[in-house]
Amino acid sequence: MNKSESSRMKKGAVAIIGGLVLLIGIIAIPYPGPGWLIVFAGLGILSTEFEWAQRLLTFARSKYDAWQGWLKAQSVYVKTIFWLLTGLVVVTTIWLLNGYGLINSWFNLGFDWANSPLVK
């Protein structure tokens, strides 16, 4: 294998691994936990081989920092609405993915409403 082939293979591996990490991070953003950290890690991996990823990482980080600063400066009322909406996204997603339906069936609770409308 020559240097050019090795370089292309490395670039391809970085693209696949970085892309997967980035995708997982994007999916995890609305949930409590390290969603944005995973996004930044994915962009960091991609930025080792792609200039556009470095520019996007710098841009995204500045916007994230600005968002955090804005949220920190808000009233308790706005922060409460933000966290309630975040909680609603989490609860709704768990329901749609049938998380509550599984618990319902495991413990034979009889709560038909706990079953996701997407799972039959």
PDB file of N, CA and C in Angstrom:
ATOM      1  N   MET A   1       0.856  -1.173   0.000  1.00  0.00           N
ATOM      2  CA  MET A   1       0.000   0.000   0.000  1.00  0.00           C
ATOM      3  C   MET A   1       0.906   1.241   0.000  1.00  0.00           C
ATOM      4  N   ASN A   2       0.620   2.137  -0.912  1.00  0.00           N
ATOM      5  CA  ASN A   2       1.439   3.347  -0.963  1.00  0.00           C
ATOM      6  C   ASN A   2       0.853   4.432  -0.063  1.00  0.00           C
ATOM      7  N   LYS A   3       1.583   5.522   0.034  1.00  0.00           N
ATOM      8  CA  LYS A   3       1.208   6.609   0.947  1.00  0.00           C
ATOM      9  C   LYS A   3      -0.150   7.217   0.586  1.00  0.00           C
ATOM     10  N   SER A   4      -0.439   7.328  -0.717  1.00  0.00           N
ATOM     11  CA  SER A   4      -1.700   7.910  -1.165  1.00  0.00           C
ATOM     12  C   SER A   4      -2.891   7.048  -0.746  1.00  0.00           C
ATOM     13  N   GLU A   5      -2.756   5.730  -0.917  1.00  0.00           N
ATOM     14  CA  GLU A   5      -3.836   4.818  -0.520  1.00  0.00           C
ATOM     15  C   GLU A   5      -4.028   4.852   0.994  1.00  0.00           C
ATOM     16  N   SER A   6      -2.937   4.880   1.732  1.00  0.00           N
ATOM     17  CA  SER A   6      -2.997   4.940   3.187  1.00  0.00           C
ATOM     18  C   SER A   6      -3.683   6.224   3.649  1.00  0.00           C
ATOM     19  N   SER A   7      -3.364   7.322   2.993  1.00  0.00           N
ATOM     20  CA  SER A   7      -3.968   8.610   3.331  1.00  0.00           C
ATOM     21  C   SER A   7      -5.476   8.600   3.059  1.00  0.00           C
ATOM     22  N   ARG A   8      -5.868   8.004   1.923  1.00  0.00           N
ATOM     23  CA  ARG A   8      -7.302   7.921   1.595  1.00  0.00           C
ATOM     24  C   ARG A   8      -8.040   7.025   2.579  1.00  0.00           C
ATOM     25  N   MET A   9      -7.399   5.917   2.974  1.00  0.00           N
ATOM     26  CA  MET A   9      -8.036   5.016   3.939  1.00  0.00           C
ATOM     27  C   MET A   9      -8.213   5.708   5.286  1.00  0.00           C
ATOM     28  N   LYS A  10      -7.198   6.461   5.710  1.00  0.00           N
ATOM     29  CA  LYS A  10      -7.292   7.188   6.980  1.00  0.00           C
ATOM     30  C   LYS A  10      -8.412   8.218   6.900  1.00  0.00           C
ATOM     31  N   LYS A  11      -8.457   8.952   5.783  1.00  0.00           N
ATOM     32  CA  LYS A  11      -9.491   9.975   5.614  1.00  0.00           C
ATOM     33  C   LYS A  11     -10.886   9.338   5.626  1.00  0.00           C
ATOM     34  N   GLY A  12     -11.020   8.186   4.967  1.00  0.00           N
ATOM     35  CA  GLY A  12     -12.297   7.476   4.959  1.00  0.00           C
ATOM     36  C   GLY A  12     -12.703   6.997   6.344  1.00  0.00           C
ATOM     37  N   ALA A  13     -11.737   6.451   7.091  1.00  0.00           N
ATOM     38  CA  ALA A  13     -12.018   5.981   8.455  1.00  0.00           C
ATOM     39  C   ALA A  13     -12.426   7.144   9.353  1.00  0.00           C
ATOM     40  N   VAL A  14     -11.719   8.254   9.232  1.00  0.00           N
ATOM     41  CA  VAL A  14     -12.056   9.446  10.026  1.00  0.00           C
ATOM     42  C   VAL A  14     -13.454   9.928   9.652  1.00  0.00           C
ATOM     43  N   ALA A  15     -13.783   9.916   8.356  1.00  0.00           N
ATOM     44  CA  ALA A  15     -15.107  10.366   7.917  1.00  0.00           C
ATOM     45  C   ALA A  15     -16.211   9.478   8.493  1.00  0.00           C
ATOM     46  N   ILE A  16     -16.004   8.169   8.470  1.00  0.00           N
ATOM     47  CA  ILE A  16     -17.033   7.243   8.980  1.00  0.00           C
ATOM     48  C   ILE A  16     -17.172   7.363  10.497  1.00  0.00           C
ATOM     49  N   ILE A  17     -16.056   7.287  11.209  1.00  0.00           N
ATOM     50  CA  ILE A  17     -16.117   7.338  12.677  1.00  0.00           C
ATOM     51  C   ILE A  17     -16.604   8.705  13.152  1.00  0.00           C
ATOM     52  N   GLY A  18     -16.022   9.767  12.614  1.00  0.00           N
ATOM     53  CA  GLY A  18     -16.451  11.111  12.999  1.00  0.00           C
ATOM     54  C   GLY A  18     -17.903  11.375  12.656  1.00  0.00           C
ATOM     55  N   GLY A  19     -18.330  10.894  11.478  1.00  0.00           N
ATOM     56  CA  GLY A  19     -19.725  11.067  11.069  1.00  0.00           C
ATOM     57  C   GLY A  19     -20.695  10.340  11.988  1.00  0.00           C
ATOM     58  N   LEU A  20     -20.334   9.122  12.391  1.00  0.00           N
ATOM     59  CA  LEU A  20     -21.195   8.369  13.318  1.00  0.00           C
ATOM     60  C   LEU A  20     -21.282   9.043  14.681  1.00  0.00           C
ATOM     61  N   VAL A  21     -20.135   9.487  15.192  1.00  0.00           N
ATOM     62  CA  VAL A  21     -20.130  10.183  16.493  1.00  0.00           C
ATOM     63  C   VAL A  21     -20.966  11.459  16.401  1.00  0.00           C
ATOM     64  N   LEU A  22     -20.801  12.196  15.309  1.00  0.00           N
ATOM     65  CA  LEU A  22     -21.579  13.422  15.106  1.00  0.00           C
ATOM     66  C   LEU A  22     -23.073  13.121  15.049  1.00  0.00           C
ATOM     67  N   LEU A  23     -23.464  12.085  14.319  1.00  0.00           N
ATOM     68  CA  LEU A  23     -24.879  11.714  14.210  1.00  0.00           C
ATOM     69  C   LEU A  23     -25.461  11.332  15.571  1.00  0.00           C
ATOM     70  N   ILE A  24     -24.727  10.547  16.332  1.00  0.00           N
ATOM     71  CA  ILE A  24     -25.187  10.170  17.680  1.00  0.00           C
ATOM     72  C   ILE A  24     -25.355  11.422  18.544  1.00  0.00           C
ATOM     73  N   GLY A  25     -24.412  12.341  18.439  1.00  0.00           N
ATOM     74  CA  GLY A  25     -24.508  13.589  19.205  1.00  0.00           C
ATOM     75  C   GLY A  25     -25.717  14.413  18.824  1.00  0.00           C
ATOM     76  N   ILE A  26     -25.995  14.512  17.528  1.00  0.00           N
ATOM     77  CA  ILE A  26     -27.158  15.276  17.072  1.00  0.00           C
ATOM     78  C   ILE A  26     -28.441  14.656  17.602  1.00  0.00           C
ATOM     79  N   ILE A  27     -28.516  13.329  17.585  1.00  0.00           N
ATOM     80  CA  ILE A  27     -29.700  12.648  18.121  1.00  0.00           C
ATOM     81  C   ILE A  27     -29.831  12.909  19.622  1.00  0.00           C
ATOM     82  N   ALA A  28     -28.709  12.999  20.329  1.00  0.00           N
ATOM     83  CA  ALA A  28     -28.714  13.146  21.789  1.00  0.00           C
ATOM     84  C   ALA A  28     -28.908  14.585  22.264  1.00  0.00           C
ATOM     85  N   ILE A  29     -28.855  15.562  21.373  1.00  0.00           N
ATOM     86  CA  ILE A  29     -28.927  16.973  21.793  1.00  0.00           C
ATOM     87  C   ILE A  29     -30.143  17.290  22.669  1.00  0.00           C
ATOM     88  N   PRO A  30     -31.351  16.880  22.298  1.00  0.00           N
ATOM     89  CA  PRO A  30     -32.490  17.326  23.119  1.00  0.00           C
ATOM     90  C   PRO A  30     -32.616  16.649  24.474  1.00  0.00           C
ATOM     91  N   TYR A  31     -31.767  15.685  24.760  1.00  0.00           N
ATOM     92  CA  TYR A  31     -31.904  14.930  25.998  1.00  0.00           C
ATOM     93  C   TYR A  31     -30.889  15.381  27.033  1.00  0.00           C
ATOM     94  N   PRO A  32     -31.244  15.247  28.308  1.00  0.00           N
ATOM     95  CA  PRO A  32     -30.270  15.585  29.347  1.00  0.00           C
ATOM     96  C   PRO A  32     -29.036  14.697  29.184  1.00  0.00           C
ATOM     97  N   GLY A  33     -27.906  15.300  29.294  1.00  0.00           N
ATOM     98  CA  GLY A  33     -26.672  14.533  29.131  1.00  0.00           C
ATOM     99  C   GLY A  33     -25.731  15.202  28.147  1.00  0.00           C
ATOM    100  N   PRO A  34     -24.815  14.424  27.653  1.00  0.00           N
ATOM    101  CA  PRO A  34     -23.704  15.013  26.901  1.00  0.00           C
ATOM    102  C   PRO A  34     -23.925  15.157  25.395  1.00  0.00           C
ATOM    103  N   GLY A  35     -25.128  15.467  24.941  1.00  0.00           N
ATOM    104  CA  GLY A  35     -25.392  15.576  23.507  1.00  0.00           C
ATOM    105  C   GLY A  35     -24.450  16.512  22.785  1.00  0.00           C
ATOM    106  N   TRP A  36     -24.319  17.733  23.293  1.00  0.00           N
ATOM    107  CA  TRP A  36     -23.443  18.704  22.631  1.00  0.00           C
ATOM    108  C   TRP A  36     -21.982  18.289  22.738  1.00  0.00           C
ATOM    109  N   LEU A  37     -21.599  17.672  23.842  1.00  0.00           N
ATOM    110  CA  LEU A  37     -20.225  17.197  23.980  1.00  0.00           C
ATOM    111  C   LEU A  37     -19.917  16.151  22.909  1.00  0.00           C
ATOM    112  N   ILE A  38     -20.872  15.273  22.633  1.00  0.00           N
ATOM    113  CA  ILE A  38     -20.696  14.249  21.603  1.00  0.00           C
ATOM    114  C   ILE A  38     -20.612  14.905  20.219  1.00  0.00           C
ATOM    115  N   VAL A  39     -21.447  15.920  19.971  1.00  0.00           N
ATOM    116  CA  VAL A  39     -21.380  16.647  18.699  1.00  0.00           C
ATOM    117  C   VAL A  39     -19.996  17.264  18.521  1.00  0.00           C
ATOM    118  N   PHE A  40     -19.512  17.936  19.549  1.00  0.00           N
ATOM    119  CA  PHE A  40     -18.199  18.573  19.459  1.00  0.00           C
ATOM    120  C   PHE A  40     -17.095  17.527  19.287  1.00  0.00           C
ATOM    121  N   ALA A  41     -17.240  16.364  19.910  1.00  0.00           N
ATOM    122  CA  ALA A  41     -16.251  15.290  19.739  1.00  0.00           C
ATOM    123  C   ALA A  41     -16.261  14.794  18.285  1.00  0.00           C
ATOM    124  N   GLY A  42     -17.454  14.604  17.728  1.00  0.00           N
ATOM    125  CA  GLY A  42     -17.554  14.172  16.334  1.00  0.00           C
ATOM    126  C   GLY A  42     -16.935  15.179  15.384  1.00  0.00           C
ATOM    127  N   LEU A  43     -17.222  16.450  15.607  1.00  0.00           N
ATOM    128  CA  LEU A  43     -16.613  17.493  14.768  1.00  0.00           C
ATOM    129  C   LEU A  43     -15.102  17.554  14.978  1.00  0.00           C
ATOM    130  N   GLY A  44     -14.652  17.315  16.207  1.00  0.00           N
ATOM    131  CA  GLY A  44     -13.220  17.289  16.477  1.00  0.00           C
ATOM    132  C   GLY A  44     -12.527  16.158  15.723  1.00  0.00           C
ATOM    133  N   ILE A  45     -13.158  14.995  15.697  1.00  0.00           N
ATOM    134  CA  ILE A  45     -12.607  13.869  14.938  1.00  0.00           C
ATOM    135  C   ILE A  45     -12.552  14.220  13.452  1.00  0.00           C
ATOM    136  N   LEU A  46     -13.647  14.744  12.925  1.00  0.00           N
ATOM    137  CA  LEU A  46     -13.698  15.114  11.509  1.00  0.00           C
ATOM    138  C   LEU A  46     -12.697  16.211  11.171  1.00  0.00           C
ATOM    139  N   SER A  47     -12.477  17.120  12.112  1.00  0.00           N
ATOM    140  CA  SER A  47     -11.584  18.259  11.838  1.00  0.00           C
ATOM    141  C   SER A  47     -10.123  17.846  11.686  1.00  0.00           C
ATOM    142  N   THR A  48      -9.777  16.617  12.096  1.00  0.00           N
ATOM    143  CA  THR A  48      -8.400  16.161  11.897  1.00  0.00           C
ATOM    144  C   THR A  48      -8.086  15.925  10.424  1.00  0.00           C
ATOM    145  N   GLU A  49      -9.134  15.765   9.603  1.00  0.00           N
ATOM    146  CA  GLU A  49      -8.928  15.512   8.182  1.00  0.00           C
ATOM    147  C   GLU A  49      -9.661  16.495   7.265  1.00  0.00           C
ATOM    148  N   PHE A  50     -10.641  17.230   7.804  1.00  0.00           N
ATOM    149  CA  PHE A  50     -11.475  18.087   6.967  1.00  0.00           C
ATOM    150  C   PHE A  50     -11.501  19.515   7.512  1.00  0.00           C
ATOM    151  N   GLU A  51     -11.097  20.465   6.686  1.00  0.00           N
ATOM    152  CA  GLU A  51     -11.062  21.877   7.081  1.00  0.00           C
ATOM    153  C   GLU A  51     -12.463  22.403   7.384  1.00  0.00           C
ATOM    154  N   TRP A  52     -13.468  21.970   6.604  1.00  0.00           N
ATOM    155  CA  TRP A  52     -14.838  22.440   6.824  1.00  0.00           C
ATOM    156  C   TRP A  52     -15.320  22.061   8.221  1.00  0.00           C
ATOM    157  N   ALA A  53     -14.888  20.900   8.713  1.00  0.00           N
ATOM    158  CA  ALA A  53     -15.301  20.466  10.050  1.00  0.00           C
ATOM    159  C   ALA A  53     -14.689  21.367  11.120  1.00  0.00           C
ATOM    160  N   GLN A  54     -13.467  21.808  10.901  1.00  0.00           N
ATOM    161  CA  GLN A  54     -12.830  22.725  11.860  1.00  0.00           C
ATOM    162  C   GLN A  54     -13.577  24.053  11.902  1.00  0.00           C
ATOM    163  N   ARG A  55     -13.944  24.559  10.725  1.00  0.00           N
ATOM    164  CA  ARG A  55     -14.713  25.817  10.684  1.00  0.00           C
ATOM    165  C   ARG A  55     -16.069  25.643  11.360  1.00  0.00           C
ATOM    166  N   LEU A  56     -16.737  24.511  11.099  1.00  0.00           N
ATOM    167  CA  LEU A  56     -18.046  24.251  11.710  1.00  0.00           C
ATOM    168  C   LEU A  56     -17.916  24.081  13.221  1.00  0.00           C
ATOM    169  N   LEU A  57     -16.868  23.415  13.663  1.00  0.00           N
ATOM    170  CA  LEU A  57     -16.640  23.246  15.097  1.00  0.00           C
ATOM    171  C   LEU A  57     -16.464  24.595  15.790  1.00  0.00           C
ATOM    172  N   THR A  58     -15.672  25.470  15.201  1.00  0.00           N
ATOM    173  CA  THR A  58     -15.459  26.806  15.764  1.00  0.00           C
ATOM    174  C   THR A  58     -16.769  27.590  15.799  1.00  0.00           C
ATOM    175  N   PHE A  59     -17.516  27.550  14.709  1.00  0.00           N
ATOM    176  CA  PHE A  59     -18.794  28.260  14.623  1.00  0.00           C
ATOM    177  C   PHE A  59     -19.793  27.706  15.644  1.00  0.00           C
ATOM    178  N   ALA A  60     -19.946  26.368  15.677  1.00  0.00           N
ATOM    179  CA  ALA A  60     -20.918  25.741  16.576  1.00  0.00           C
ATOM    180  C   ALA A  60     -20.574  26.012  18.035  1.00  0.00           C
ATOM    181  N   ARG A  61     -19.304  25.953  18.348  1.00  0.00           N
ATOM    182  CA  ARG A  61     -18.890  26.209  19.727  1.00  0.00           C
ATOM    183  C   ARG A  61     -19.214  27.645  20.154  1.00  0.00           C
ATOM    184  N   SER A  62     -18.996  28.596  19.246  1.00  0.00           N
ATOM    185  CA  SER A  62     -19.298  29.992  19.588  1.00  0.00           C
ATOM    186  C   SER A  62     -20.803  30.184  19.774  1.00  0.00           C
ATOM    187  N   LYS A  63     -21.612  29.545  18.938  1.00  0.00           N
ATOM    188  CA  LYS A  63     -23.074  29.653  19.080  1.00  0.00           C
ATOM    189  C   LYS A  63     -23.554  28.971  20.353  1.00  0.00           C
ATOM    190  N   TYR A  64     -22.956  27.818  20.682  1.00  0.00           N
ATOM    191  CA  TYR A  64     -23.314  27.113  21.907  1.00  0.00           C
ATOM    192  C   TYR A  64     -22.994  27.976  23.128  1.00  0.00           C
ATOM    193  N   ASP A  65     -21.805  28.566  23.137  1.00  0.00           N
ATOM    194  CA  ASP A  65     -21.416  29.441  24.253  1.00  0.00           C
ATOM    195  C   ASP A  65     -22.348  30.647  24.366  1.00  0.00           C
ATOM    196  N   ALA A  66     -22.733  31.220  23.215  1.00  0.00           N
ATOM    197  CA  ALA A  66     -23.664  32.353  23.223  1.00  0.00           C
ATOM    198  C   ALA A  66     -25.028  31.925  23.773  1.00  0.00           C
ATOM    199  N   TRP A  67     -25.508  30.741  23.368  1.00  0.00           N
ATOM    200  CA  TRP A  67     -26.793  30.221  23.851  1.00  0.00           C
ATOM    201  C   TRP A  67     -26.742  30.004  25.364  1.00  0.00           C
ATOM    202  N   GLN A  68     -25.669  29.402  25.843  1.00  0.00           N
ATOM    203  CA  GLN A  68     -25.530  29.168  27.279  1.00  0.00           C
ATOM    204  C   GLN A  68     -25.505  30.488  28.050  1.00  0.00           C
ATOM    205  N   GLY A  69     -24.806  31.481  27.510  1.00  0.00           N
ATOM    206  CA  GLY A  69     -24.772  32.798  28.146  1.00  0.00           C
ATOM    207  C   GLY A  69     -26.139  33.445  28.174  1.00  0.00           C
ATOM    208  N   TRP A  70     -26.876  33.318  27.065  1.00  0.00           N
ATOM    209  CA  TRP A  70     -28.221  33.888  26.997  1.00  0.00           C
ATOM    210  C   TRP A  70     -29.134  33.213  28.012  1.00  0.00           C
ATOM    211  N   LEU A  71     -29.105  31.874  28.047  1.00  0.00           N
ATOM    212  CA  LEU A  71     -29.973  31.142  28.965  1.00  0.00           C
ATOM    213  C   LEU A  71     -29.634  31.468  30.421  1.00  0.00           C
ATOM    214  N   LYS A  72     -28.365  31.590  30.715  1.00  0.00           N
ATOM    215  CA  LYS A  72     -27.943  31.904  32.087  1.00  0.00           C
ATOM    216  C   LYS A  72     -28.457  33.272  32.530  1.00  0.00           C
ATOM    217  N   ALA A  73     -28.578  34.200  31.592  1.00  0.00           N
ATOM    218  CA  ALA A  73     -29.001  35.567  31.919  1.00  0.00           C
ATOM    219  C   ALA A  73     -30.524  35.707  32.020  1.00  0.00           C
ATOM    220  N   GLN A  74     -31.262  34.649  31.700  1.00  0.00           N
ATOM    221  CA  GLN A  74     -32.719  34.739  31.702  1.00  0.00           C
ATOM    222  C   GLN A  74     -33.299  34.602  33.108  1.00  0.00           C
ATOM    223  N   SER A  75     -34.544  34.978  33.203  1.00  0.00           N
ATOM    224  CA  SER A  75     -35.250  34.878  34.485  1.00  0.00           C
ATOM    225  C   SER A  75     -35.534  33.412  34.815  1.00  0.00           C
ATOM    226  N   VAL A  76     -35.889  33.190  36.057  1.00  0.00           N
ATOM    227  CA  VAL A  76     -36.247  31.843  36.495  1.00  0.00           C
ATOM    228  C   VAL A  76     -37.431  31.331  35.677  1.00  0.00           C
ATOM    229  N   TYR A  77     -38.350  32.216  35.330  1.00  0.00           N
ATOM    230  CA  TYR A  77     -39.522  31.850  34.538  1.00  0.00           C
ATOM    231  C   TYR A  77     -39.114  31.265  33.186  1.00  0.00           C
ATOM    232  N   VAL A  78     -38.228  31.936  32.468  1.00  0.00           N
ATOM    233  CA  VAL A  78     -37.772  31.466  31.150  1.00  0.00           C
ATOM    234  C   VAL A  78     -36.995  30.159  31.298  1.00  0.00           C
ATOM    235  N   LYS A  79     -36.130  30.077  32.303  1.00  0.00           N
ATOM    236  CA  LYS A  79     -35.378  28.843  32.530  1.00  0.00           C
ATOM    237  C   LYS A  79     -36.316  27.682  32.842  1.00  0.00           C
ATOM    238  N   THR A  80     -37.352  27.948  33.622  1.00  0.00           N
ATOM    239  CA  THR A  80     -38.318  26.902  33.960  1.00  0.00           C
ATOM    240  C   THR A  80     -39.042  26.414  32.716  1.00  0.00           C
ATOM    241  N   ILE A  81     -39.468  27.331  31.857  1.00  0.00           N
ATOM    242  CA  ILE A  81     -40.129  26.941  30.606  1.00  0.00           C
ATOM    243  C   ILE A  81     -39.176  26.107  29.748  1.00  0.00           C
ATOM    244  N   PHE A  82     -37.923  26.530  29.655  1.00  0.00           N
ATOM    245  CA  PHE A  82     -36.936  25.784  28.880  1.00  0.00           C
ATOM    246  C   PHE A  82     -36.816  24.351  29.387  1.00  0.00           C
ATOM    247  N   TRP A  83     -36.662  24.174  30.704  1.00  0.00           N
ATOM    248  CA  TRP A  83     -36.488  22.828  31.258  1.00  0.00           C
ATOM    249  C   TRP A  83     -37.760  22.004  31.165  1.00  0.00           C
ATOM    250  N   LEU A  84     -38.925  22.650  31.293  1.00  0.00           N
ATOM    251  CA  LEU A  84     -40.179  21.912  31.116  1.00  0.00           C
ATOM    252  C   LEU A  84     -40.321  21.414  29.675  1.00  0.00           C
ATOM    253  N   LEU A  85     -39.980  22.247  28.716  1.00  0.00           N
ATOM    254  CA  LEU A  85     -40.040  21.827  27.313  1.00  0.00           C
ATOM    255  C   LEU A  85     -39.022  20.726  27.028  1.00  0.00           C
ATOM    256  N   THR A  86     -37.836  20.820  27.610  1.00  0.00           N
ATOM    257  CA  THR A  86     -36.837  19.760  27.453  1.00  0.00           C
ATOM    258  C   THR A  86     -37.371  18.446  28.026  1.00  0.00           C
ATOM    259  N   GLY A  87     -37.965  18.518  29.200  1.00  0.00           N
ATOM    260  CA  GLY A  87     -38.556  17.329  29.817  1.00  0.00           C
ATOM    261  C   GLY A  87     -39.667  16.743  28.964  1.00  0.00           C
ATOM    262  N   LEU A  88     -40.483  17.613  28.365  1.00  0.00           N
ATOM    263  CA  LEU A  88     -41.558  17.155  27.491  1.00  0.00           C
ATOM    264  C   LEU A  88     -41.009  16.403  26.281  1.00  0.00           C
ATOM    265  N   VAL A  89     -39.920  16.904  25.699  1.00  0.00           N
ATOM    266  CA  VAL A  89     -39.281  16.217  24.565  1.00  0.00           C
ATOM    267  C   VAL A  89     -38.805  14.833  24.993  1.00  0.00           C
ATOM    268  N   VAL A  90     -38.180  14.734  26.148  1.00  0.00           N
ATOM    269  CA  VAL A  90     -37.663  13.456  26.639  1.00  0.00           C
ATOM    270  C   VAL A  90     -38.801  12.479  26.894  1.00  0.00           C
ATOM    271  N   VAL A  91     -39.825  12.909  27.620  1.00  0.00           N
ATOM    272  CA  VAL A  91     -40.952  12.031  27.953  1.00  0.00           C
ATOM    273  C   VAL A  91     -41.666  11.563  26.687  1.00  0.00           C
ATOM    274  N   THR A  92     -41.882  12.480  25.751  1.00  0.00           N
ATOM    275  CA  THR A  92     -42.570  12.134  24.507  1.00  0.00           C
ATOM    276  C   THR A  92     -41.756  11.141  23.687  1.00  0.00           C
ATOM    277  N   THR A  93     -40.455  11.349  23.604  1.00  0.00           N
ATOM    278  CA  THR A  93     -39.620  10.435  22.832  1.00  0.00           C
ATOM    279  C   THR A  93     -39.594   9.041  23.445  1.00  0.00           C
ATOM    280  N   ILE A  94     -39.475   8.970  24.752  1.00  0.00           N
ATOM    281  CA  ILE A  94     -39.488   7.661  25.421  1.00  0.00           C
ATOM    282  C   ILE A  94     -40.818   6.954  25.150  1.00  0.00           C
ATOM    283  N   TRP A  95     -41.921   7.701  25.169  1.00  0.00           N
ATOM    284  CA  TRP A  95     -43.238   7.120  24.895  1.00  0.00           C
ATOM    285  C   TRP A  95     -43.308   6.635  23.451  1.00  0.00           C
ATOM    286  N   LEU A  96     -42.862   7.473  22.506  1.00  0.00           N
ATOM    287  CA  LEU A  96     -42.916   7.086  21.091  1.00  0.00           C
ATOM    288  C   LEU A  96     -42.032   5.883  20.788  1.00  0.00           C
ATOM    289  N   LEU A  97     -40.921   5.749  21.499  1.00  0.00           N
ATOM    290  CA  LEU A  97     -40.041   4.596  21.311  1.00  0.00           C
ATOM    291  C   LEU A  97     -40.478   3.388  22.148  1.00  0.00           C
ATOM    292  N   ASN A  98     -41.638   3.497  22.787  1.00  0.00           N
ATOM    293  CA  ASN A  98     -42.288   2.439  23.556  1.00  0.00           C
ATOM    294  C   ASN A  98     -41.552   2.068  24.844  1.00  0.00           C
ATOM    295  N   GLY A  99     -40.795   2.990  25.412  1.00  0.00           N
ATOM    296  CA  GLY A  99     -40.130   2.729  26.685  1.00  0.00           C
ATOM    297  C   GLY A  99     -41.119   2.448  27.804  1.00  0.00           C
ATOM    298  N   TYR A 100     -42.187   3.239  27.852  1.00  0.00           N
ATOM    299  CA  TYR A 100     -43.200   3.023  28.893  1.00  0.00           C
ATOM    300  C   TYR A 100     -44.001   1.768  28.618  1.00  0.00           C
ATOM    301  N   GLY A 101     -44.195   1.449  27.338  1.00  0.00           N
ATOM    302  CA  GLY A 101     -44.909   0.226  26.967  1.00  0.00           C
ATOM    303  C   GLY A 101     -44.172  -1.017  27.421  1.00  0.00           C
ATOM    304  N   LEU A 102     -42.833  -0.982  27.329  1.00  0.00           N
ATOM    305  CA  LEU A 102     -42.048  -2.129  27.806  1.00  0.00           C
ATOM    306  C   LEU A 102     -42.215  -2.323  29.306  1.00  0.00           C
ATOM    307  N   ILE A 103     -42.127  -1.232  30.052  1.00  0.00           N
ATOM    308  CA  ILE A 103     -42.320  -1.313  31.506  1.00  0.00           C
ATOM    309  C   ILE A 103     -43.729  -1.807  31.815  1.00  0.00           C
ATOM    310  N   ASN A 104     -44.702  -1.305  31.070  1.00  0.00           N
ATOM    311  CA  ASN A 104     -46.095  -1.717  31.222  1.00  0.00           C
ATOM    312  C   ASN A 104     -46.237  -3.225  31.033  1.00  0.00           C
ATOM    313  N   SER A 105     -45.593  -3.763  29.990  1.00  0.00           N
ATOM    314  CA  SER A 105     -45.718  -5.204  29.732  1.00  0.00           C
ATOM    315  C   SER A 105     -44.900  -6.037  30.717  1.00  0.00           C
ATOM    316  N   TRP A 106     -43.722  -5.554  31.130  1.00  0.00           N
ATOM    317  CA  TRP A 106     -42.894  -6.307  32.071  1.00  0.00           C
ATOM    318  C   TRP A 106     -43.590  -6.501  33.420  1.00  0.00           C
ATOM    319  N   PHE A 107     -44.278  -5.447  33.868  1.00  0.00           N
ATOM    320  CA  PHE A 107     -44.913  -5.495  35.181  1.00  0.00           C
ATOM    321  C   PHE A 107     -46.418  -5.723  35.094  1.00  0.00           C
ATOM    322  N   ASN A 108     -46.916  -5.975  33.878  1.00  0.00           N
ATOM    323  CA  ASN A 108     -48.334  -6.270  33.659  1.00  0.00           C
ATOM    324  C   ASN A 108     -49.231  -5.237  34.348  1.00  0.00           C
ATOM    325  N   LEU A 109     -48.964  -3.958  34.049  1.00  0.00           N
ATOM    326  CA  LEU A 109     -49.669  -2.864  34.708  1.00  0.00           C
ATOM    327  C   LEU A 109     -51.054  -2.594  34.122  1.00  0.00           C
ATOM    328  N   GLY A 110     -51.268  -2.945  32.874  1.00  0.00           N
ATOM    329  CA  GLY A 110     -52.574  -2.737  32.250  1.00  0.00           C
ATOM    330  C   GLY A 110     -52.825  -1.308  31.799  1.00  0.00           C
ATOM    331  N   PHE A 111     -51.798  -0.510  31.637  1.00  0.00           N
ATOM    332  CA  PHE A 111     -51.948   0.871  31.168  1.00  0.00           C
ATOM    333  C   PHE A 111     -51.796   0.889  29.646  1.00  0.00           C
ATOM    334  N   ASP A 112     -52.890   0.754  28.934  1.00  0.00           N
ATOM    335  CA  ASP A 112     -52.828   0.720  27.469  1.00  0.00           C
ATOM    336  C   ASP A 112     -52.279   2.019  26.888  1.00  0.00           C
ATOM    337  N   TRP A 113     -52.527   3.135  27.550  1.00  0.00           N
ATOM    338  CA  TRP A 113     -52.040   4.423  27.056  1.00  0.00           C
ATOM    339  C   TRP A 113     -50.522   4.511  27.058  1.00  0.00           C
ATOM    340  N   ALA A 114     -49.846   3.644  27.844  1.00  0.00           N
ATOM    341  CA  ALA A 114     -48.389   3.674  27.920  1.00  0.00           C
ATOM    342  C   ALA A 114     -47.732   3.108  26.667  1.00  0.00           C
ATOM    343  N   ASN A 115     -48.481   2.377  25.868  1.00  0.00           N
ATOM    344  CA  ASN A 115     -47.929   1.787  24.647  1.00  0.00           C
ATOM    345  C   ASN A 115     -47.855   2.846  23.548  1.00  0.00           C
ATOM    346  N   SER A 116     -46.740   2.845  22.844  1.00  0.00           N
ATOM    347  CA  SER A 116     -46.530   3.805  21.761  1.00  0.00           C
ATOM    348  C   SER A 116     -47.515   3.549  20.627  1.00  0.00           C
ATOM    349  N   PRO A 117     -48.014   4.627  20.014  1.00  0.00           N
ATOM    350  CA  PRO A 117     -48.871   4.447  18.846  1.00  0.00           C
ATOM    351  C   PRO A 117     -48.071   3.975  17.625  1.00  0.00           C
ATOM    352  N   LEU A 118     -46.753   4.019  17.701  1.00  0.00           N
ATOM    353  CA  LEU A 118     -45.904   3.597  16.592  1.00  0.00           C
ATOM    354  C   LEU A 118     -45.567   2.115  16.633  1.00  0.00           C
ATOM    355  N   VAL A 119     -45.868   1.472  17.757  1.00  0.00           N
ATOM    356  CA  VAL A 119     -45.554   0.048  17.932  1.00  0.00           C
ATOM    357  C   VAL A 119     -46.843  -0.722  18.089  1.00  0.00           C
ATOM    358  N   LYS A 120     -47.050  -1.663  17.241  1.00  0.00           N
ATOM    359  CA  LYS A 120     -48.270  -2.486  17.323  1.00  0.00           C
ATOM    360  C   LYS A 120     -47.924  -3.923  17.553  1.00  0.00           C
TER     361      LYS A 120
END
